[in-house]
Amino acid sequence: MRALTFRLKPGQDLFDSIEEVLKENKIEAGCVLSSVGSLTHATLRLANRDYYNEYEGHFEIVSMTGTVSIHGSHLHVAISDGNGVTIGGHLVSGCKIYTTAEIVLAIFDDVIYKRELLPNDSGYEELVVAKK
């Protein structure tokens, strides 16, 4: 395992920028170790919904977790507003960085993470782990 640390800047899209870092570094398997930062706009898919919720304001990124790969990532994020009210969900494109996002990824060079529709499973593309 190795670590990759990077910072995103104001105006960047949180999800799209993470995906770009994965492509630039050819990362086929990893997970989020740490993340902090802030957003001015959030787009989340909440549990058991097939549509996105949009949030405007200033939010702290209080947690982000998930698996990442150039073959498909699955990330969840929790954000809190100025009153400490916290909401979380599935991270998608559309979350705009306010001041910063500091992200640390763990990279696994011995496996490949892919996402596939599996027979008799959830109906979503799920994680499949392959040895290199």
N, C-alpha and C. Protein backbone atom coordinates (compact mmCIF):
# COMPACT_ATOMS: atom_id res chain seq x y z
N MET A 1 0.85 -1.18 0.00
CA MET A 1 0.00 0.00 0.00
C MET A 1 0.89 1.24 0.00
N ARG A 2 0.43 2.24 -0.70
CA ARG A 2 1.10 3.54 -0.70
C ARG A 2 0.04 4.61 -0.59
N ALA A 3 0.46 5.81 -0.24
CA ALA A 3 -0.49 6.91 -0.06
C ALA A 3 -0.28 7.96 -1.15
N LEU A 4 -1.39 8.62 -1.48
CA LEU A 4 -1.35 9.76 -2.40
C LEU A 4 -2.16 10.88 -1.76
N THR A 5 -1.52 12.02 -1.57
CA THR A 5 -2.17 13.18 -0.95
C THR A 5 -2.23 14.30 -1.97
N PHE A 6 -3.40 14.94 -2.05
CA PHE A 6 -3.55 16.06 -2.97
C PHE A 6 -4.57 17.05 -2.43
N ARG A 7 -4.51 18.26 -2.97
CA ARG A 7 -5.41 19.34 -2.57
C ARG A 7 -6.17 19.85 -3.78
N LEU A 8 -7.47 20.02 -3.61
CA LEU A 8 -8.30 20.63 -4.65
C LEU A 8 -8.53 22.09 -4.28
N LYS A 9 -8.75 22.91 -5.30
CA LYS A 9 -8.83 24.36 -5.11
C LYS A 9 -10.25 24.88 -5.33
N PRO A 10 -10.50 26.13 -4.93
CA PRO A 10 -11.83 26.71 -5.09
C PRO A 10 -12.36 26.59 -6.52
N GLY A 11 -13.64 26.22 -6.61
CA GLY A 11 -14.31 26.11 -7.89
C GLY A 11 -14.22 24.76 -8.55
N GLN A 12 -13.27 23.93 -8.12
CA GLN A 12 -13.15 22.61 -8.72
C GLN A 12 -14.32 21.73 -8.29
N ASP A 13 -14.66 20.75 -9.12
CA ASP A 13 -15.70 19.78 -8.81
C ASP A 13 -15.06 18.63 -8.01
N LEU A 14 -15.61 18.33 -6.84
CA LEU A 14 -15.01 17.34 -5.95
C LEU A 14 -14.90 15.97 -6.62
N PHE A 15 -15.99 15.43 -7.11
CA PHE A 15 -15.97 14.09 -7.71
C PHE A 15 -15.15 14.06 -8.98
N ASP A 16 -15.41 14.99 -9.89
CA ASP A 16 -14.70 15.01 -11.17
C ASP A 16 -13.19 15.18 -10.98
N SER A 17 -12.79 15.98 -10.01
CA SER A 17 -11.36 16.20 -9.77
C SER A 17 -10.69 14.96 -9.19
N ILE A 18 -11.40 14.25 -8.33
CA ILE A 18 -10.85 12.98 -7.82
C ILE A 18 -10.66 12.00 -8.98
N GLU A 19 -11.67 11.92 -9.85
CA GLU A 19 -11.57 11.03 -11.01
C GLU A 19 -10.39 11.41 -11.89
N GLU A 20 -10.13 12.70 -12.06
CA GLU A 20 -9.00 13.15 -12.87
C GLU A 20 -7.67 12.74 -12.23
N VAL A 21 -7.56 12.85 -10.91
CA VAL A 21 -6.34 12.42 -10.21
C VAL A 21 -6.13 10.92 -10.41
N LEU A 22 -7.20 10.15 -10.37
CA LEU A 22 -7.09 8.70 -10.59
C LEU A 22 -6.55 8.41 -11.99
N LYS A 23 -7.08 9.12 -12.99
CA LYS A 23 -6.62 8.92 -14.37
C LYS A 23 -5.17 9.33 -14.54
N GLU A 24 -4.81 10.51 -14.01
CA GLU A 24 -3.44 11.00 -14.14
C GLU A 24 -2.42 10.05 -13.52
N ASN A 25 -2.83 9.38 -12.43
CA ASN A 25 -1.92 8.49 -11.71
C ASN A 25 -2.16 7.01 -12.02
N LYS A 26 -3.09 6.72 -12.94
CA LYS A 26 -3.40 5.35 -13.36
C LYS A 26 -3.72 4.44 -12.17
N ILE A 27 -4.55 4.95 -11.27
CA ILE A 27 -4.90 4.21 -10.06
C ILE A 27 -6.04 3.25 -10.35
N GLU A 28 -5.77 1.95 -10.15
CA GLU A 28 -6.77 0.92 -10.42
C GLU A 28 -7.44 0.40 -9.15
N ALA A 29 -6.91 0.75 -7.97
CA ALA A 29 -7.54 0.32 -6.72
C ALA A 29 -7.07 1.21 -5.59
N GLY A 30 -8.03 1.74 -4.83
CA GLY A 30 -7.68 2.58 -3.70
C GLY A 30 -8.90 2.87 -2.85
N CYS A 31 -8.65 3.58 -1.75
CA CYS A 31 -9.76 4.01 -0.88
C CYS A 31 -9.39 5.35 -0.26
N VAL A 32 -10.40 6.04 0.23
CA VAL A 32 -10.18 7.33 0.89
C VAL A 32 -9.75 7.08 2.33
N LEU A 33 -8.60 7.62 2.70
CA LEU A 33 -8.12 7.54 4.09
C LEU A 33 -8.57 8.75 4.90
N SER A 34 -8.53 9.93 4.27
CA SER A 34 -8.86 11.15 4.97
C SER A 34 -9.34 12.20 3.97
N SER A 35 -10.26 13.04 4.43
CA SER A 35 -10.70 14.15 3.59
C SER A 35 -11.31 15.24 4.46
N VAL A 36 -10.92 16.47 4.19
CA VAL A 36 -11.49 17.64 4.84
C VAL A 36 -11.56 18.75 3.81
N GLY A 37 -12.44 19.70 4.03
CA GLY A 37 -12.53 20.82 3.12
C GLY A 37 -13.89 21.47 3.23
N SER A 38 -14.26 22.20 2.16
CA SER A 38 -15.54 22.92 2.19
C SER A 38 -16.12 23.01 0.79
N LEU A 39 -17.44 23.18 0.74
CA LEU A 39 -18.18 23.27 -0.51
C LEU A 39 -19.09 24.49 -0.50
N THR A 40 -19.40 25.01 -1.70
CA THR A 40 -20.42 26.05 -1.84
C THR A 40 -21.68 25.50 -2.49
N HIS A 41 -21.56 24.35 -3.11
CA HIS A 41 -22.71 23.68 -3.71
C HIS A 41 -22.49 22.18 -3.55
N ALA A 42 -23.53 21.47 -3.21
CA ALA A 42 -23.44 20.02 -3.07
C ALA A 42 -24.53 19.35 -3.89
N THR A 43 -24.17 18.28 -4.54
CA THR A 43 -25.09 17.43 -5.27
C THR A 43 -24.90 16.02 -4.73
N LEU A 44 -25.95 15.45 -4.15
CA LEU A 44 -25.87 14.13 -3.53
C LEU A 44 -27.03 13.26 -3.99
N ARG A 45 -26.78 11.96 -4.07
CA ARG A 45 -27.88 11.01 -4.23
C ARG A 45 -28.09 10.37 -2.87
N LEU A 46 -29.26 10.61 -2.30
CA LEU A 46 -29.57 10.09 -0.97
C LEU A 46 -30.01 8.64 -1.06
N ALA A 47 -30.06 7.97 0.09
CA ALA A 47 -30.36 6.54 0.14
C ALA A 47 -31.68 6.20 -0.54
N ASN A 48 -31.63 5.17 -1.36
CA ASN A 48 -32.80 4.58 -2.00
C ASN A 48 -33.56 5.56 -2.89
N ARG A 49 -32.84 6.52 -3.48
CA ARG A 49 -33.45 7.47 -4.42
C ARG A 49 -32.76 7.36 -5.77
N ASP A 50 -33.50 7.61 -6.82
CA ASP A 50 -32.91 7.56 -8.16
C ASP A 50 -32.74 8.96 -8.76
N TYR A 51 -32.78 9.98 -7.89
CA TYR A 51 -32.57 11.36 -8.33
C TYR A 51 -31.58 12.03 -7.37
N TYR A 52 -31.08 13.19 -7.78
CA TYR A 52 -30.09 13.92 -6.98
C TYR A 52 -30.74 15.05 -6.22
N ASN A 53 -30.20 15.35 -5.05
CA ASN A 53 -30.60 16.52 -4.27
C ASN A 53 -29.50 17.57 -4.41
N GLU A 54 -29.91 18.84 -4.54
CA GLU A 54 -28.97 19.95 -4.69
C GLU A 54 -29.05 20.82 -3.43
N TYR A 55 -27.88 21.27 -2.95
CA TYR A 55 -27.80 22.10 -1.75
C TYR A 55 -26.89 23.29 -2.04
N GLU A 56 -27.37 24.49 -1.71
CA GLU A 56 -26.60 25.72 -1.87
C GLU A 56 -26.24 26.26 -0.50
N GLY A 57 -25.06 26.82 -0.37
CA GLY A 57 -24.63 27.40 0.89
C GLY A 57 -23.16 27.13 1.12
N HIS A 58 -22.76 27.23 2.38
CA HIS A 58 -21.38 26.92 2.75
C HIS A 58 -21.40 25.69 3.64
N PHE A 59 -20.65 24.68 3.24
CA PHE A 59 -20.65 23.40 3.93
C PHE A 59 -19.23 22.94 4.21
N GLU A 60 -19.05 22.32 5.36
CA GLU A 60 -17.79 21.65 5.69
C GLU A 60 -17.90 20.20 5.24
N ILE A 61 -16.84 19.67 4.64
CA ILE A 61 -16.76 18.24 4.38
C ILE A 61 -16.30 17.61 5.69
N VAL A 62 -17.18 16.89 6.35
CA VAL A 62 -16.82 16.30 7.64
C VAL A 62 -16.40 14.84 7.52
N SER A 63 -16.69 14.24 6.37
CA SER A 63 -16.27 12.86 6.15
C SER A 63 -16.44 12.51 4.68
N MET A 64 -15.56 11.67 4.18
CA MET A 64 -15.74 11.07 2.86
C MET A 64 -15.11 9.69 2.93
N THR A 65 -15.79 8.72 2.36
CA THR A 65 -15.29 7.37 2.38
C THR A 65 -15.64 6.68 1.07
N GLY A 66 -14.92 5.64 0.73
CA GLY A 66 -15.28 4.87 -0.45
C GLY A 66 -14.08 4.29 -1.15
N THR A 67 -14.40 3.53 -2.21
CA THR A 67 -13.38 2.91 -3.05
C THR A 67 -13.23 3.72 -4.33
N VAL A 68 -12.00 3.77 -4.84
CA VAL A 68 -11.72 4.55 -6.05
C VAL A 68 -10.93 3.70 -7.04
N SER A 69 -11.19 3.96 -8.33
CA SER A 69 -10.49 3.27 -9.40
C SER A 69 -10.79 3.96 -10.71
N ILE A 70 -9.85 3.88 -11.66
CA ILE A 70 -10.12 4.39 -13.00
C ILE A 70 -11.22 3.58 -13.67
N HIS A 71 -11.55 2.43 -13.11
CA HIS A 71 -12.59 1.55 -13.64
C HIS A 71 -13.94 1.80 -12.97
N GLY A 72 -14.03 2.80 -12.10
CA GLY A 72 -15.27 3.13 -11.42
C GLY A 72 -15.05 3.33 -9.93
N SER A 73 -15.57 4.43 -9.41
CA SER A 73 -15.42 4.76 -7.99
C SER A 73 -16.79 4.76 -7.33
N HIS A 74 -16.79 4.54 -6.02
CA HIS A 74 -18.01 4.58 -5.21
C HIS A 74 -17.69 5.35 -3.94
N LEU A 75 -18.17 6.60 -3.87
CA LEU A 75 -17.83 7.48 -2.77
C LEU A 75 -19.08 8.00 -2.08
N HIS A 76 -19.01 8.12 -0.76
CA HIS A 76 -20.05 8.77 0.04
C HIS A 76 -19.41 9.93 0.77
N VAL A 77 -20.19 11.01 0.98
CA VAL A 77 -19.67 12.19 1.65
C VAL A 77 -20.70 12.67 2.68
N ALA A 78 -20.21 13.19 3.79
CA ALA A 78 -21.05 13.86 4.78
C ALA A 78 -20.60 15.31 4.86
N ILE A 79 -21.60 16.22 4.82
CA ILE A 79 -21.31 17.65 4.88
C ILE A 79 -22.17 18.28 5.97
N SER A 80 -21.64 19.36 6.58
CA SER A 80 -22.42 20.06 7.60
C SER A 80 -22.49 21.54 7.26
N ASP A 81 -23.63 22.16 7.64
CA ASP A 81 -23.81 23.58 7.37
C ASP A 81 -23.33 24.42 8.56
N GLY A 82 -23.57 25.72 8.52
CA GLY A 82 -23.12 26.63 9.57
C GLY A 82 -23.74 26.39 10.92
N ASN A 83 -24.82 25.62 10.97
CA ASN A 83 -25.46 25.27 12.24
C ASN A 83 -25.08 23.87 12.71
N GLY A 84 -24.21 23.22 11.95
CA GLY A 84 -23.80 21.87 12.31
C GLY A 84 -24.75 20.79 11.83
N VAL A 85 -25.79 21.18 11.10
CA VAL A 85 -26.71 20.19 10.54
C VAL A 85 -25.97 19.41 9.46
N THR A 86 -25.98 18.10 9.60
CA THR A 86 -25.19 17.25 8.72
C THR A 86 -26.08 16.38 7.86
N ILE A 87 -25.68 16.23 6.60
CA ILE A 87 -26.37 15.35 5.66
C ILE A 87 -25.30 14.61 4.87
N GLY A 88 -25.64 13.42 4.45
CA GLY A 88 -24.69 12.65 3.68
C GLY A 88 -25.37 11.85 2.61
N GLY A 89 -24.58 11.42 1.65
CA GLY A 89 -25.11 10.60 0.58
C GLY A 89 -24.02 10.21 -0.40
N HIS A 90 -24.47 9.69 -1.52
CA HIS A 90 -23.60 9.24 -2.59
C HIS A 90 -23.03 10.45 -3.32
N LEU A 91 -21.70 10.54 -3.40
CA LEU A 91 -21.04 11.66 -4.06
C LEU A 91 -21.13 11.51 -5.58
N VAL A 92 -21.58 12.57 -6.24
CA VAL A 92 -21.66 12.61 -7.70
C VAL A 92 -21.07 13.95 -8.16
N SER A 93 -20.96 14.11 -9.45
CA SER A 93 -20.50 15.39 -10.00
C SER A 93 -21.43 16.51 -9.56
N GLY A 94 -20.87 17.69 -9.36
CA GLY A 94 -21.68 18.85 -9.02
C GLY A 94 -21.38 19.46 -7.66
N CYS A 95 -20.46 18.88 -6.91
CA CYS A 95 -20.05 19.46 -5.62
C CYS A 95 -18.88 20.40 -5.87
N LYS A 96 -19.08 21.68 -5.60
CA LYS A 96 -18.05 22.69 -5.91
C LYS A 96 -17.27 23.09 -4.66
N ILE A 97 -15.94 23.04 -4.78
CA ILE A 97 -15.05 23.37 -3.67
C ILE A 97 -15.17 24.86 -3.34
N TYR A 98 -15.26 25.16 -2.05
CA TYR A 98 -15.30 26.55 -1.56
C TYR A 98 -13.88 27.06 -1.33
N THR A 99 -13.20 26.55 -0.29
CA THR A 99 -11.84 27.01 -0.01
C THR A 99 -10.78 25.97 -0.37
N THR A 100 -11.07 24.70 -0.05
CA THR A 100 -10.09 23.64 -0.28
C THR A 100 -10.76 22.29 -0.11
N ALA A 101 -10.10 21.26 -0.59
CA ALA A 101 -10.40 19.88 -0.22
C ALA A 101 -9.06 19.17 -0.17
N GLU A 102 -8.72 18.67 1.01
CA GLU A 102 -7.47 17.96 1.23
C GLU A 102 -7.81 16.48 1.32
N ILE A 103 -7.26 15.68 0.41
CA ILE A 103 -7.65 14.29 0.29
C ILE A 103 -6.42 13.40 0.35
N VAL A 104 -6.53 12.31 1.12
CA VAL A 104 -5.48 11.30 1.20
C VAL A 104 -6.09 9.97 0.76
N LEU A 105 -5.48 9.36 -0.24
CA LEU A 105 -5.92 8.06 -0.73
C LEU A 105 -4.90 6.99 -0.37
N ALA A 106 -5.38 5.80 -0.06
CA ALA A 106 -4.53 4.61 0.03
C ALA A 106 -4.62 3.93 -1.33
N ILE A 107 -3.47 3.57 -1.90
CA ILE A 107 -3.42 2.94 -3.21
C ILE A 107 -2.93 1.51 -3.03
N PHE A 108 -3.64 0.57 -3.69
CA PHE A 108 -3.29 -0.85 -3.61
C PHE A 108 -2.83 -1.30 -4.99
N ASP A 109 -1.55 -1.64 -5.10
CA ASP A 109 -0.97 -1.97 -6.40
C ASP A 109 -1.10 -3.44 -6.78
N ASP A 110 -1.61 -4.28 -5.89
CA ASP A 110 -1.69 -5.72 -6.16
C ASP A 110 -3.07 -6.18 -6.63
N VAL A 111 -4.03 -5.25 -6.69
CA VAL A 111 -5.39 -5.61 -7.12
C VAL A 111 -5.94 -4.54 -8.07
N ILE A 112 -7.04 -4.90 -8.73
CA ILE A 112 -7.77 -3.98 -9.59
C ILE A 112 -9.21 -3.96 -9.10
N TYR A 113 -9.76 -2.78 -8.90
CA TYR A 113 -11.17 -2.62 -8.56
C TYR A 113 -11.94 -2.30 -9.83
N LYS A 114 -12.97 -3.10 -10.08
CA LYS A 114 -13.87 -2.85 -11.20
C LYS A 114 -15.28 -2.81 -10.67
N ARG A 115 -16.20 -2.29 -11.47
CA ARG A 115 -17.61 -2.24 -11.09
C ARG A 115 -18.39 -2.96 -12.18
N GLU A 116 -19.19 -3.94 -11.78
CA GLU A 116 -19.94 -4.74 -12.74
C GLU A 116 -21.34 -5.02 -12.24
N LEU A 117 -22.27 -5.11 -13.20
CA LEU A 117 -23.61 -5.59 -12.88
C LEU A 117 -23.50 -7.10 -12.70
N LEU A 118 -23.89 -7.59 -11.55
CA LEU A 118 -23.77 -9.01 -11.25
C LEU A 118 -25.15 -9.66 -11.25
N PRO A 119 -25.27 -10.86 -11.81
CA PRO A 119 -26.57 -11.53 -11.84
C PRO A 119 -27.11 -11.74 -10.42
N ASN A 120 -28.41 -11.56 -10.27
CA ASN A 120 -29.10 -11.78 -9.00
C ASN A 120 -28.51 -10.97 -7.85
N ASP A 121 -28.06 -9.76 -8.14
CA ASP A 121 -27.48 -8.92 -7.10
C ASP A 121 -28.35 -7.68 -6.92
N SER A 122 -27.75 -6.55 -6.60
CA SER A 122 -28.47 -5.34 -6.21
C SER A 122 -29.14 -4.58 -7.35
N GLY A 123 -28.70 -4.82 -8.58
CA GLY A 123 -29.18 -4.02 -9.70
C GLY A 123 -28.28 -2.83 -10.00
N TYR A 124 -27.28 -2.63 -9.16
CA TYR A 124 -26.28 -1.58 -9.36
C TYR A 124 -24.96 -2.23 -9.76
N GLU A 125 -24.08 -1.43 -10.38
CA GLU A 125 -22.73 -1.93 -10.63
C GLU A 125 -22.02 -2.03 -9.29
N GLU A 126 -21.58 -3.23 -8.94
CA GLU A 126 -20.96 -3.49 -7.64
C GLU A 126 -19.47 -3.76 -7.80
N LEU A 127 -18.76 -3.66 -6.68
CA LEU A 127 -17.32 -3.85 -6.66
C LEU A 127 -16.94 -5.30 -6.97
N VAL A 128 -15.99 -5.44 -7.89
CA VAL A 128 -15.38 -6.72 -8.19
C VAL A 128 -13.87 -6.51 -8.05
N VAL A 129 -13.22 -7.36 -7.26
CA VAL A 129 -11.79 -7.23 -6.99
C VAL A 129 -11.06 -8.33 -7.74
N ALA A 130 -10.06 -7.94 -8.55
CA ALA A 130 -9.26 -8.89 -9.29
C ALA A 130 -7.79 -8.73 -8.90
N LYS A 131 -7.07 -9.83 -8.85
CA LYS A 131 -5.63 -9.78 -8.60
C LYS A 131 -4.92 -9.32 -9.86
N LYS A 132 -3.83 -8.59 -9.70
CA LYS A 132 -3.01 -8.15 -10.85
C LYS A 132 -2.12 -9.30 -11.27
